[in-house]
C-alpha atoms as a PDB file:
ATOM      1  CA  MET A   1     -34.343 -45.756  -0.774  1.00  0.00           C
ATOM      2  CA  ILE A   2     -36.148 -43.504   1.716  1.00  0.00           C
ATOM      3  CA  PHE A   3     -36.210 -46.336   4.235  1.00  0.00           C
ATOM      4  CA  PHE A   4     -32.458 -46.888   3.852  1.00  0.00           C
ATOM      5  CA  LEU A   5     -31.646 -43.175   4.230  1.00  0.00           C
ATOM      6  CA  THR A   6     -33.920 -42.867   7.256  1.00  0.00           C
ATOM      7  CA  SER A   7     -32.345 -45.888   8.922  1.00  0.00           C
ATOM      8  CA  PHE A   8     -28.867 -44.615   8.099  1.00  0.00           C
ATOM      9  CA  PHE A   9     -29.317 -41.135   9.571  1.00  0.00           C
ATOM     10  CA  VAL A  10     -31.157 -42.397  12.659  1.00  0.00           C
ATOM     11  CA  SER A  11     -28.346 -44.877  13.327  1.00  0.00           C
ATOM     12  CA  VAL A  12     -25.627 -42.278  12.722  1.00  0.00           C
ATOM     13  CA  MET A  13     -27.211 -39.919  15.234  1.00  0.00           C
ATOM     14  CA  ALA A  14     -27.334 -42.704  17.823  1.00  0.00           C
ATOM     15  CA  SER A  15     -23.720 -43.777  17.243  1.00  0.00           C
ATOM     16  CA  SER A  16     -22.476 -40.166  17.292  1.00  0.00           C
ATOM     17  CA  THR A  17     -24.147 -39.128  20.554  1.00  0.00           C
ATOM     18  CA  PRO A  18     -21.746 -40.852  22.999  1.00  0.00           C
ATOM     19  CA  LEU A  19     -18.793 -39.443  21.045  1.00  0.00           C
ATOM     20  CA  LEU A  20     -20.228 -35.936  21.235  1.00  0.00           C
ATOM     21  CA  LEU A  21     -21.024 -36.168  24.957  1.00  0.00           C
ATOM     22  CA  ALA A  22     -17.595 -37.500  25.942  1.00  0.00           C
ATOM     23  CA  ALA A  23     -15.725 -35.094  23.657  1.00  0.00           C
ATOM     24  CA  THR A  24     -17.665 -32.094  25.010  1.00  0.00           C
ATOM     25  CA  GLY A  25     -16.586 -32.932  28.554  1.00  0.00           C
ATOM     26  CA  GLU A  26     -12.975 -33.463  27.496  1.00  0.00           C
ATOM     27  CA  LEU A  27     -13.029 -30.152  25.613  1.00  0.00           C
ATOM     28  CA  VAL A  28     -13.876 -28.269  28.809  1.00  0.00           C
ATOM     29  CA  ALA A  29     -11.183 -30.109  30.775  1.00  0.00           C
ATOM     30  CA  GLU A  30      -8.530 -29.429  28.146  1.00  0.00           C
ATOM     31  CA  ARG A  31      -9.547 -25.783  27.861  1.00  0.00           C
ATOM     32  CA  ALA A  32      -8.672 -25.556  31.555  1.00  0.00           C
ATOM     33  CA  GLY A  33      -5.265 -27.124  30.863  1.00  0.00           C
ATOM     34  CA  VAL A  34      -6.083 -30.673  32.025  1.00  0.00           C
ATOM     35  CA  LEU A  35      -5.255 -33.553  29.686  1.00  0.00           C
ATOM     36  CA  ASN A  36      -7.253 -36.548  30.889  1.00  0.00           C
ATOM     37  CA  LEU A  37      -6.544 -39.621  28.771  1.00  0.00           C
ATOM     38  CA  GLY A  38      -8.836 -41.707  30.973  1.00  0.00           C
ATOM     39  CA  VAL A  39     -12.006 -40.995  28.962  1.00  0.00           C
ATOM     40  CA  GLU A  40     -12.346 -44.637  27.892  1.00  0.00           C
ATOM     41  CA  GLY A  41     -12.114 -45.846  31.490  1.00  0.00           C
ATOM     42  CA  MET A  42     -14.617 -43.273  32.720  1.00  0.00           C
ATOM     43  CA  MET A  43     -17.050 -44.204  29.951  1.00  0.00           C
ATOM     44  CA  LEU A  44     -16.821 -47.885  30.902  1.00  0.00           C
ATOM     45  CA  VAL A  45     -17.411 -47.161  34.588  1.00  0.00           C
ATOM     46  CA  GLY A  46     -20.325 -44.899  33.659  1.00  0.00           C
ATOM     47  CA  ALA A  47     -21.755 -47.623  31.433  1.00  0.00           C
ATOM     48  CA  VAL A  48     -21.606 -50.349  34.078  1.00  0.00           C
ATOM     49  CA  THR A  49     -22.792 -48.236  37.020  1.00  0.00           C
ATOM     50  CA  GLY A  50     -25.625 -46.841  34.927  1.00  0.00           C
ATOM     51  CA  PHE A  51     -26.709 -50.275  33.786  1.00  0.00           C
ATOM     52  CA  VAL A  52     -26.465 -51.895  37.225  1.00  0.00           C
ATOM     53  CA  VAL A  53     -28.432 -49.140  38.961  1.00  0.00           C
ATOM     54  CA  GLY A  54     -30.937 -49.021  36.121  1.00  0.00           C
ATOM     55  CA  HIS A  55     -31.388 -52.795  36.275  1.00  0.00           C
ATOM     56  CA  LEU A  56     -31.779 -52.883  40.060  1.00  0.00           C
ATOM     57  CA  THR A  57     -34.192 -49.949  40.232  1.00  0.00           C
ATOM     58  CA  GLY A  58     -35.941 -50.408  36.909  1.00  0.00           C
ATOM     59  CA  SER A  59     -35.368 -46.723  36.169  1.00  0.00           C
ATOM     60  CA  ALA A  60     -33.236 -45.574  33.255  1.00  0.00           C
ATOM     61  CA  THR A  61     -33.237 -42.045  34.720  1.00  0.00           C
ATOM     62  CA  LEU A  62     -31.640 -43.233  37.962  1.00  0.00           C
ATOM     63  CA  GLY A  63     -29.258 -45.279  35.841  1.00  0.00           C
ATOM     64  CA  LEU A  64     -28.124 -42.163  33.978  1.00  0.00           C
ATOM     65  CA  ALA A  65     -27.652 -40.308  37.276  1.00  0.00           C
ATOM     66  CA  ALA A  66     -25.487 -43.188  38.530  1.00  0.00           C
ATOM     67  CA  ALA A  67     -23.504 -43.163  35.280  1.00  0.00           C
ATOM     68  CA  ILE A  68     -22.769 -39.458  35.704  1.00  0.00           C
ATOM     69  CA  ALA A  69     -21.734 -40.040  39.324  1.00  0.00           C
ATOM     70  CA  GLY A  70     -19.520 -42.986  38.340  1.00  0.00           C
ATOM     71  CA  GLY A  71     -17.668 -41.012  35.687  1.00  0.00           C
ATOM     72  CA  ALA A  72     -17.273 -38.028  38.004  1.00  0.00           C
ATOM     73  CA  ALA A  73     -15.959 -40.241  40.824  1.00  0.00           C
ATOM     74  CA  LEU A  74     -13.276 -41.687  38.569  1.00  0.00           C
ATOM     75  CA  SER A  75     -12.310 -38.209  37.380  1.00  0.00           C
ATOM     76  CA  ALA A  76     -12.022 -37.136  41.031  1.00  0.00           C
ATOM     77  CA  ILE A  77      -9.341 -39.797  41.504  1.00  0.00           C
ATOM     78  CA  PHE A  78      -7.527 -38.414  38.468  1.00  0.00           C
ATOM     79  CA  ALA A  79      -7.849 -34.866  39.827  1.00  0.00           C
ATOM     80  CA  PHE A  80      -6.395 -35.895  43.186  1.00  0.00           C
ATOM     81  CA  LEU A  81      -3.434 -37.565  41.512  1.00  0.00           C
ATOM     82  CA  THR A  82      -2.666 -34.737  39.103  1.00  0.00           C
ATOM     83  CA  LEU A  83      -3.803 -31.561  40.855  1.00  0.00           C
ATOM     84  CA  THR A  84      -2.942 -32.437  44.445  1.00  0.00           C
ATOM     85  CA  LEU A  85      -0.092 -34.918  44.119  1.00  0.00           C
ATOM     86  CA  LEU A  86       1.100 -33.335  40.827  1.00  0.00           C
ATOM     87  CA  SER A  87       1.412 -36.696  39.097  1.00  0.00           C
ATOM     88  CA  ASN A  88       2.077 -36.790  35.366  1.00  0.00           C
ATOM     89  CA  GLN A  89      -1.267 -36.271  33.614  1.00  0.00           C
ATOM     90  CA  THR A  90      -0.500 -38.581  30.707  1.00  0.00           C
ATOM     91  CA  ALA A  91       0.538 -41.467  32.941  1.00  0.00           C
ATOM     92  CA  ALA A  92      -2.377 -40.917  35.333  1.00  0.00           C
ATOM     93  CA  GLY A  93      -4.872 -40.827  32.460  1.00  0.00           C
ATOM     94  CA  LEU A  94      -3.571 -44.062  30.967  1.00  0.00           C
ATOM     95  CA  ALA A  95      -3.689 -45.698  34.399  1.00  0.00           C
ATOM     96  CA  LEU A  96      -7.274 -44.484  34.787  1.00  0.00           C
ATOM     97  CA  THR A  97      -8.281 -46.176  31.541  1.00  0.00           C
ATOM     98  CA  ILE A  98      -6.662 -49.458  32.588  1.00  0.00           C
ATOM     99  CA  PHE A  99      -8.297 -49.256  36.012  1.00  0.00           C
ATOM    100  CA  GLY A 100     -11.694 -48.356  34.550  1.00  0.00           C
ATOM    101  CA  ARG A 101     -11.595 -51.273  32.149  1.00  0.00           C
ATOM    102  CA  GLY A 102     -10.789 -53.798  34.873  1.00  0.00           C
ATOM    103  CA  PHE A 103     -13.101 -52.269  37.475  1.00  0.00           C
ATOM    104  CA  SER A 104     -16.050 -52.169  35.071  1.00  0.00           C
ATOM    105  CA  SER A 105     -15.494 -55.828  34.147  1.00  0.00           C
ATOM    106  CA  LEU A 106     -15.509 -56.717  37.847  1.00  0.00           C
ATOM    107  CA  LEU A 107     -18.681 -54.757  38.624  1.00  0.00           C
ATOM    108  CA  GLY A 108     -20.514 -56.055  35.593  1.00  0.00           C
ATOM    109  CA  ALA A 109     -19.467 -59.703  35.823  1.00  0.00           C
ATOM    110  CA  GLY A 110     -22.927 -60.789  36.954  1.00  0.00           C
ATOM    111  CA  TYR A 111     -24.848 -58.645  34.465  1.00  0.00           C
ATOM    112  CA  VAL A 112     -23.407 -59.694  31.118  1.00  0.00           C
ATOM    113  CA  GLY A 113     -26.116 -60.357  28.542  1.00  0.00           C
ATOM    114  CA  ILE A 114     -28.979 -59.190  30.759  1.00  0.00           C
ATOM    115  CA  ARG A 115     -31.304 -56.674  29.147  1.00  0.00           C
ATOM    116  CA  GLY A 116     -31.886 -53.583  31.247  1.00  0.00           C
ATOM    117  CA  PRO A 117     -34.272 -50.623  31.191  1.00  0.00           C
ATOM    118  CA  GLU A 118     -34.155 -48.660  27.960  1.00  0.00           C
ATOM    119  CA  ILE A 119     -34.365 -44.920  27.374  1.00  0.00           C
ATOM    120  CA  ALA A 120     -37.454 -44.551  25.241  1.00  0.00           C
ATOM    121  CA  LYS A 121     -37.429 -42.589  22.019  1.00  0.00           C
ATOM    122  CA  LEU A 122     -39.536 -39.472  21.919  1.00  0.00           C
ATOM    123  CA  ALA A 123     -42.411 -39.087  19.511  1.00  0.00           C
ATOM    124  CA  ALA A 124     -43.835 -35.720  18.518  1.00  0.00           C
ATOM    125  CA  PRO A 125     -47.503 -36.223  17.547  1.00  0.00           C
ATOM    126  CA  GLY A 126     -47.837 -35.729  13.818  1.00  0.00           C
ATOM    127  CA  LEU A 127     -44.246 -34.665  13.261  1.00  0.00           C
ATOM    128  CA  SER A 128     -42.564 -38.022  13.905  1.00  0.00           C
ATOM    129  CA  GLN A 129     -44.748 -39.617  11.184  1.00  0.00           C
ATOM    130  CA  ILE A 130     -43.358 -37.372   8.430  1.00  0.00           C
ATOM    131  CA  PRO A 131     -41.292 -39.527   6.038  1.00  0.00           C
ATOM    132  CA  PHE A 132     -37.539 -39.271   6.657  1.00  0.00           C
ATOM    133  CA  VAL A 133     -37.696 -35.946   8.540  1.00  0.00           C
ATOM    134  CA  GLY A 134     -39.954 -37.288  11.289  1.00  0.00           C
ATOM    135  CA  PRO A 135     -37.858 -40.234  12.520  1.00  0.00           C
ATOM    136  CA  VAL A 136     -34.543 -38.377  12.037  1.00  0.00           C
ATOM    137  CA  LEU A 137     -35.437 -35.064  13.699  1.00  0.00           C
ATOM    138  CA  PHE A 138     -38.399 -35.869  15.950  1.00  0.00           C
ATOM    139  CA  GLY A 139     -38.033 -39.544  16.840  1.00  0.00           C
ATOM    140  CA  GLN A 140     -34.751 -39.651  18.772  1.00  0.00           C
ATOM    141  CA  ASP A 141     -34.301 -40.265  22.490  1.00  0.00           C
ATOM    142  CA  ALA A 142     -33.868 -37.337  24.870  1.00  0.00           C
ATOM    143  CA  LEU A 143     -30.082 -37.656  25.167  1.00  0.00           C
ATOM    144  CA  VAL A 144     -29.588 -37.046  21.447  1.00  0.00           C
ATOM    145  CA  TYR A 145     -31.230 -33.639  21.826  1.00  0.00           C
ATOM    146  CA  ALA A 146     -29.497 -33.081  25.165  1.00  0.00           C
ATOM    147  CA  SER A 147     -26.097 -33.564  23.517  1.00  0.00           C
ATOM    148  CA  PHE A 148     -26.809 -30.594  21.214  1.00  0.00           C
ATOM    149  CA  LEU A 149     -28.028 -28.452  24.100  1.00  0.00           C
ATOM    150  CA  ILE A 150     -25.019 -29.303  26.259  1.00  0.00           C
ATOM    151  CA  LEU A 151     -22.592 -28.470  23.452  1.00  0.00           C
ATOM    152  CA  ALA A 152     -24.376 -25.161  22.809  1.00  0.00           C
ATOM    153  CA  ALA A 153     -24.307 -24.354  26.533  1.00  0.00           C
ATOM    154  CA  VAL A 154     -20.578 -25.155  26.703  1.00  0.00           C
ATOM    155  CA  ALA A 155     -19.874 -22.933  23.675  1.00  0.00           C
ATOM    156  CA  TRP A 156     -21.879 -20.100  25.246  1.00  0.00           C
ATOM    157  CA  PHE A 157     -20.134 -20.581  28.580  1.00  0.00           C
ATOM    158  CA  LEU A 158     -16.631 -20.589  27.101  1.00  0.00           C
ATOM    159  CA  TYR A 159     -17.021 -17.606  24.784  1.00  0.00           C
ATOM    160  CA  ARG A 160     -19.848 -15.498  26.205  1.00  0.00           C
ATOM    161  CA  THR A 161     -19.319 -15.523  29.972  1.00  0.00           C
ATOM    162  CA  HIS A 162     -16.698 -14.159  32.319  1.00  0.00           C
ATOM    163  CA  ALA A 163     -16.369 -17.536  34.020  1.00  0.00           C
ATOM    164  CA  GLY A 164     -15.619 -19.136  30.651  1.00  0.00           C
ATOM    165  CA  LEU A 165     -12.967 -16.526  29.964  1.00  0.00           C
ATOM    166  CA  VAL A 166     -11.376 -17.297  33.327  1.00  0.00           C
ATOM    167  CA  LEU A 167     -11.388 -21.023  32.581  1.00  0.00           C
ATOM    168  CA  ARG A 168      -9.708 -20.459  29.216  1.00  0.00           C
ATOM    169  CA  SER A 169      -7.159 -18.136  30.811  1.00  0.00           C
ATOM    170  CA  VAL A 170      -6.232 -20.898  33.265  1.00  0.00           C
ATOM    171  CA  GLY A 171      -5.585 -23.207  30.328  1.00  0.00           C
ATOM    172  CA  ASP A 172      -3.587 -20.608  28.424  1.00  0.00           C
ATOM    173  CA  SER A 173      -1.484 -19.242  31.293  1.00  0.00           C
ATOM    174  CA  HIS A 174      -2.059 -20.666  34.748  1.00  0.00           C
ATOM    175  CA  ASP A 175       0.704 -18.509  36.271  1.00  0.00           C
ATOM    176  CA  ALA A 176      -0.902 -15.295  35.030  1.00  0.00           C
ATOM    177  CA  ALA A 177      -4.342 -16.447  36.221  1.00  0.00           C
ATOM    178  CA  HIS A 178      -2.892 -17.266  39.643  1.00  0.00           C
ATOM    179  CA  ALA A 179      -1.104 -13.910  39.805  1.00  0.00           C
ATOM    180  CA  ILE A 180      -4.355 -11.999  39.496  1.00  0.00           C
ATOM    181  CA  GLY A 181      -6.042 -14.114  42.148  1.00  0.00           C
ATOM    182  CA  TYR A 182      -7.876 -16.923  40.396  1.00  0.00           C
ATOM    183  CA  PRO A 183      -7.857 -20.369  42.109  1.00  0.00           C
ATOM    184  CA  VAL A 184      -6.228 -22.380  39.326  1.00  0.00           C
ATOM    185  CA  ASN A 185      -6.545 -25.833  40.852  1.00  0.00           C
ATOM    186  CA  ALA A 186     -10.140 -25.267  41.965  1.00  0.00           C
ATOM    187  CA  ILE A 187     -11.101 -24.245  38.434  1.00  0.00           C
ATOM    188  CA  ARG A 188      -9.263 -27.242  36.990  1.00  0.00           C
ATOM    189  CA  LEU A 189     -10.982 -29.517  39.496  1.00  0.00           C
ATOM    190  CA  GLY A 190     -14.390 -28.313  38.358  1.00  0.00           C
ATOM    191  CA  ALA A 191     -13.475 -28.759  34.696  1.00  0.00           C
ATOM    192  CA  THR A 192     -12.096 -32.247  35.365  1.00  0.00           C
ATOM    193  CA  LEU A 193     -15.227 -33.327  37.239  1.00  0.00           C
ATOM    194  CA  PHE A 194     -17.394 -32.003  34.427  1.00  0.00           C
ATOM    195  CA  GLY A 195     -15.344 -33.945  31.908  1.00  0.00           C
ATOM    196  CA  GLY A 196     -15.721 -37.113  33.981  1.00  0.00           C
ATOM    197  CA  ALA A 197     -19.462 -36.587  34.397  1.00  0.00           C
ATOM    198  CA  MET A 198     -19.896 -36.198  30.640  1.00  0.00           C
ATOM    199  CA  ALA A 199     -17.810 -39.311  29.951  1.00  0.00           C
ATOM    200  CA  GLY A 200     -19.952 -41.213  32.466  1.00  0.00           C
ATOM    201  CA  LEU A 201     -23.113 -39.921  30.768  1.00  0.00           C
ATOM    202  CA  ALA A 202     -21.732 -41.083  27.414  1.00  0.00           C
ATOM    203  CA  GLY A 203     -21.126 -44.521  28.893  1.00  0.00           C
ATOM    204  CA  GLY A 204     -24.607 -44.574  30.387  1.00  0.00           C
ATOM    205  CA  TYR A 205     -26.017 -43.778  26.970  1.00  0.00           C
ATOM    206  CA  MET A 206     -24.175 -46.780  25.562  1.00  0.00           C
ATOM    207  CA  SER A 207     -25.651 -49.234  28.084  1.00  0.00           C
ATOM    208  CA  LEU A 208     -29.122 -47.713  28.470  1.00  0.00           C
ATOM    209  CA  ALA A 209     -30.002 -46.352  25.027  1.00  0.00           C
ATOM    210  CA  TYR A 210     -27.626 -47.340  22.241  1.00  0.00           C
ATOM    211  CA  SER A 211     -27.486 -50.989  23.300  1.00  0.00           C
ATOM    212  CA  PRO A 212     -29.543 -51.508  26.486  1.00  0.00           C
ATOM    213  CA  MET A 213     -27.364 -54.202  27.988  1.00  0.00           C
ATOM    214  CA  TRP A 214     -23.926 -54.600  29.551  1.00  0.00           C
ATOM    215  CA  ALA A 215     -20.960 -56.225  27.827  1.00  0.00           C
ATOM    216  CA  GLU A 216     -17.279 -56.003  28.731  1.00  0.00           C
ATOM    217  CA  ASN A 217     -15.435 -53.203  26.930  1.00  0.00           C
ATOM    218  CA  MET A 218     -18.666 -52.202  25.213  1.00  0.00           C
ATOM    219  CA  THR A 219     -17.342 -48.704  24.461  1.00  0.00           C
ATOM    220  CA  ALA A 220     -14.910 -50.353  22.005  1.00  0.00           C
ATOM    221  CA  GLY A 221     -12.413 -47.497  21.914  1.00  0.00           C
ATOM    222  CA  ARG A 222     -14.918 -44.655  21.657  1.00  0.00           C
ATOM    223  CA  GLY A 223     -13.156 -42.866  24.502  1.00  0.00           C
ATOM    224  CA  TRP A 224      -9.987 -42.656  22.417  1.00  0.00           C
ATOM    225  CA  ILE A 225     -11.949 -41.347  19.450  1.00  0.00           C
ATOM    226  CA  ALA A 226     -13.508 -38.701  21.721  1.00  0.00           C
ATOM    227  CA  LEU A 227     -10.009 -37.600  22.712  1.00  0.00           C
ATOM    228  CA  ALA A 228      -9.020 -37.416  19.063  1.00  0.00           C
ATOM    229  CA  LEU A 229     -12.157 -35.391  18.297  1.00  0.00           C
ATOM    230  CA  VAL A 230     -11.008 -32.567  20.564  1.00  0.00           C
ATOM    231  CA  VAL A 231      -7.795 -32.280  18.566  1.00  0.00           C
ATOM    232  CA  PHE A 232      -9.725 -32.709  15.302  1.00  0.00           C
ATOM    233  CA  ALA A 233     -11.921 -29.762  16.319  1.00  0.00           C
ATOM    234  CA  THR A 234      -8.825 -27.777  17.376  1.00  0.00           C
ATOM    235  CA  TRP A 235     -10.547 -27.133  20.714  1.00  0.00           C
ATOM    236  CA  ARG A 236     -13.567 -25.391  19.121  1.00  0.00           C
ATOM    237  CA  PRO A 237     -17.117 -26.523  19.981  1.00  0.00           C
ATOM    238  CA  ALA A 238     -18.626 -25.984  16.519  1.00  0.00           C
ATOM    239  CA  TRP A 239     -16.074 -28.234  14.861  1.00  0.00           C
ATOM    240  CA  LEU A 240     -16.609 -30.805  17.580  1.00  0.00           C
ATOM    241  CA  LEU A 241     -20.176 -31.358  16.402  1.00  0.00           C
ATOM    242  CA  GLY A 242     -19.131 -31.996  12.805  1.00  0.00           C
ATOM    243  CA  GLY A 243     -16.299 -34.275  13.874  1.00  0.00           C
ATOM    244  CA  ALA A 244     -18.512 -36.364  16.155  1.00  0.00           C
ATOM    245  CA  TYR A 245     -21.007 -36.993  13.374  1.00  0.00           C
ATOM    246  CA  LEU A 246     -18.280 -37.697  10.837  1.00  0.00           C
ATOM    247  CA  PHE A 247     -16.728 -40.388  13.022  1.00  0.00           C
ATOM    248  CA  GLY A 248     -20.162 -41.647  14.071  1.00  0.00           C
ATOM    249  CA  ALA A 249     -21.042 -42.152  10.401  1.00  0.00           C
ATOM    250  CA  ILE A 250     -17.787 -44.006   9.775  1.00  0.00           C
ATOM    251  CA  MET A 251     -18.389 -46.299  12.754  1.00  0.00           C
ATOM    252  CA  TYR A 252     -21.919 -47.092  11.593  1.00  0.00           C
ATOM    253  CA  LEU A 253     -20.787 -47.698   8.017  1.00  0.00           C
ATOM    254  CA  SER A 254     -18.211 -50.202   9.227  1.00  0.00           C
ATOM    255  CA  LEU A 255     -20.990 -52.144  10.983  1.00  0.00           C
ATOM    256  CA  TYR A 256     -23.286 -51.826   7.962  1.00  0.00           C
ATOM    257  CA  VAL A 257     -20.647 -53.139   5.568  1.00  0.00           C
ATOM    258  CA  GLN A 258     -20.107 -56.124   7.861  1.00  0.00           C
ATOM    259  CA  GLY A 259     -23.849 -56.801   7.815  1.00  0.00           C
ATOM    260  CA  LEU A 260     -23.902 -56.786   4.019  1.00  0.00           C
ATOM    261  CA  GLY A 261     -21.289 -59.523   3.951  1.00  0.00           C
ATOM    262  CA  VAL A 262     -18.885 -57.574   1.747  1.00  0.00           C
ATOM    263  CA  ALA A 263     -15.774 -59.591   0.916  1.00  0.00           C
ATOM    264  CA  ILE A 264     -13.456 -57.503   3.081  1.00  0.00           C
ATOM    265  CA  PRO A 265     -11.689 -59.003   6.103  1.00  0.00           C
ATOM    266  CA  SER A 266     -13.817 -58.249   9.171  1.00  0.00           C
ATOM    267  CA  PRO A 267     -10.803 -57.210  11.309  1.00  0.00           C
ATOM    268  CA  PHE A 268     -10.028 -54.490   8.760  1.00  0.00           C
ATOM    269  CA  ILE A 269     -13.638 -53.272   8.755  1.00  0.00           C
ATOM    270  CA  SER A 270     -13.678 -53.209  12.562  1.00  0.00           C
ATOM    271  CA  ALA A 271     -10.428 -51.241  12.597  1.00  0.00           C
ATOM    272  CA  LEU A 272     -11.595 -48.788   9.915  1.00  0.00           C
ATOM    273  CA  PRO A 273     -12.881 -46.044  12.294  1.00  0.00           C
ATOM    274  CA  TYR A 274      -9.570 -46.038  14.158  1.00  0.00           C
ATOM    275  CA  ILE A 275      -7.540 -46.049  10.943  1.00  0.00           C
ATOM    276  CA  VAL A 276      -9.515 -43.023   9.793  1.00  0.00           C
ATOM    277  CA  THR A 277      -8.883 -41.382  13.177  1.00  0.00           C
ATOM    278  CA  VAL A 278      -5.123 -41.782  12.802  1.00  0.00           C
ATOM    279  CA  VAL A 279      -5.170 -40.541   9.197  1.00  0.00           C
ATOM    280  CA  VAL A 280      -7.270 -37.476  10.053  1.00  0.00           C
ATOM    281  CA  LEU A 281      -5.056 -36.572  13.021  1.00  0.00           C
ATOM    282  CA  ALA A 282      -1.951 -36.960  10.859  1.00  0.00           C
ATOM    283  CA  ILE A 283      -3.431 -34.551   8.320  1.00  0.00           C
ATOM    284  CA  ILE A 284      -4.493 -32.049  10.971  1.00  0.00           C
ATOM    285  CA  SER A 285      -1.092 -32.149  12.686  1.00  0.00           C
ATOM    286  CA  ARG A 286       0.485 -30.778   9.515  1.00  0.00           C
ATOM    287  CA  ASP A 287      -1.318 -27.465  10.096  1.00  0.00           C
ATOM    288  CA  ARG A 288       0.830 -26.458  13.042  1.00  0.00           C
ATOM    289  CA  ARG A 289      -0.232 -22.810  12.933  1.00  0.00           C
ATOM    290  CA  ARG A 290      -3.905 -23.593  13.562  1.00  0.00           C
ATOM    291  CA  ILE A 291      -3.000 -25.964  16.388  1.00  0.00           C
ATOM    292  CA  ARG A 292      -0.759 -23.362  18.042  1.00  0.00           C
ATOM    293  CA  LEU A 293      -3.484 -20.727  17.766  1.00  0.00           C
ATOM    294  CA  ASN A 294      -6.155 -22.864  19.438  1.00  0.00           C
ATOM    295  CA  GLN A 295      -4.381 -25.340  21.726  1.00  0.00           C
ATOM    296  CA  PRO A 296      -4.296 -24.260  25.394  1.00  0.00           C
ATOM    297  CA  ALA A 297      -0.680 -23.293  26.091  1.00  0.00           C
ATOM    298  CA  CYS A 298      -0.640 -24.990  29.509  1.00  0.00           C
ATOM    299  CA  LEU A 299      -2.339 -28.198  28.412  1.00  0.00           C
ATOM    300  CA  GLY A 300      -0.993 -31.108  30.466  1.00  0.00           C
ATOM    301  CA  LYS A 301       1.340 -28.877  32.494  1.00  0.00           C
ATOM    302  CA  PRO A 302       1.174 -29.114  36.305  1.00  0.00           C
ATOM    303  CA  PHE A 303       0.568 -25.973  38.335  1.00  0.00           C
ATOM    304  CA  TYR A 304       2.749 -25.351  41.379  1.00  0.00           C
ATOM    305  CA  ALA A 305       0.771 -23.059  43.673  1.00  0.00           C
ATOM    306  CA  GLY A 306       3.820 -22.211  45.753  1.00  0.00           C
ATOM    307  CA  ALA A 307       5.924 -21.177  42.760  1.00  0.00           C
END
C-alpha cells in the first residue's frame, strides 16, 4: 500500500509540474490583459527546441534554456501581431497553436524516438530514504521545486510590489494606466514574453524530465488545460496550485486505469481529463460574481495608444 501511494504521489507531482509552469506564465499575461491561446503551441516548440539542443549538446540545462528561448520567441510573434498590429488576440493565439504544432513536428522529424539527456532527480542524504515522505518531498527533480518557487514569486510580485500593482492596473484599465503615464504595451510585452518563456519551460520539462524523448504532439492538450486552470483559479495564484495538482492527478489516474486494463473504452479514459476540464469550467462559470470580481476587465481587449 505504501509503495502504491508513494508511486501515485510522485507521479502526480511530475504530471502536474508542466501544467503549473504553463498556467503560471499565462496567469501573468492575462493579469496584464493579454489573452494568449497559443500556450499549446509554445509548449510544443519549447519541448522540441529543448530536446534538440539537449540532445546535440548532451546538457539538459542548455536544453531547458533553449526551451525557454523557444517559447519566448513564439510569444514575441504573438506580441507583435496583437500589440503592434492590433490583431485579434483570440485568432492570433489559435494561429500560434496551429503554427507551433506544425513547426515542432518539422523540427523534431529526425529526433522521434531518440532518448535524450534527462534531468536527474535530487536526493537529500538521509531524507530521501524516509518511507513515503522521502521520495515524495525530497526525491523530485529541480523543476518540481522550481515550479513552487516561481508561483510564490509571481504571487509576491503581483500583490506585494508596486510593479505588480501596475501590471494588474494595466489589465484592469489600460486607458487609466496610460493616462497616468504607464507604458501599457511595454508592460504587456514583458508579461507576454514571460508567459511564453514559462510555456517553453513547461514543454522542456515534458521532453527532458517527464518523458526524456521527443514525440509529435507530446503535450497532448496540456496547454489547453493550463489555459483552463487560470479560469479555474479565477486569476489567483493560490488556487492555481490546487487546480494544477487536481488536474495532474486526474491525468495520471486516466493513465493508471488504462494500465490496469479496466474494461472501459480507452478513448473515453484518454478523454477523461478534458471532460473533467469542461465540467469544472461549466460549474465555475455559473458563479458570475466571483469571475467578475477577479477577471481583468481589459482581458483580450486591444489598446490604442493614440486614442
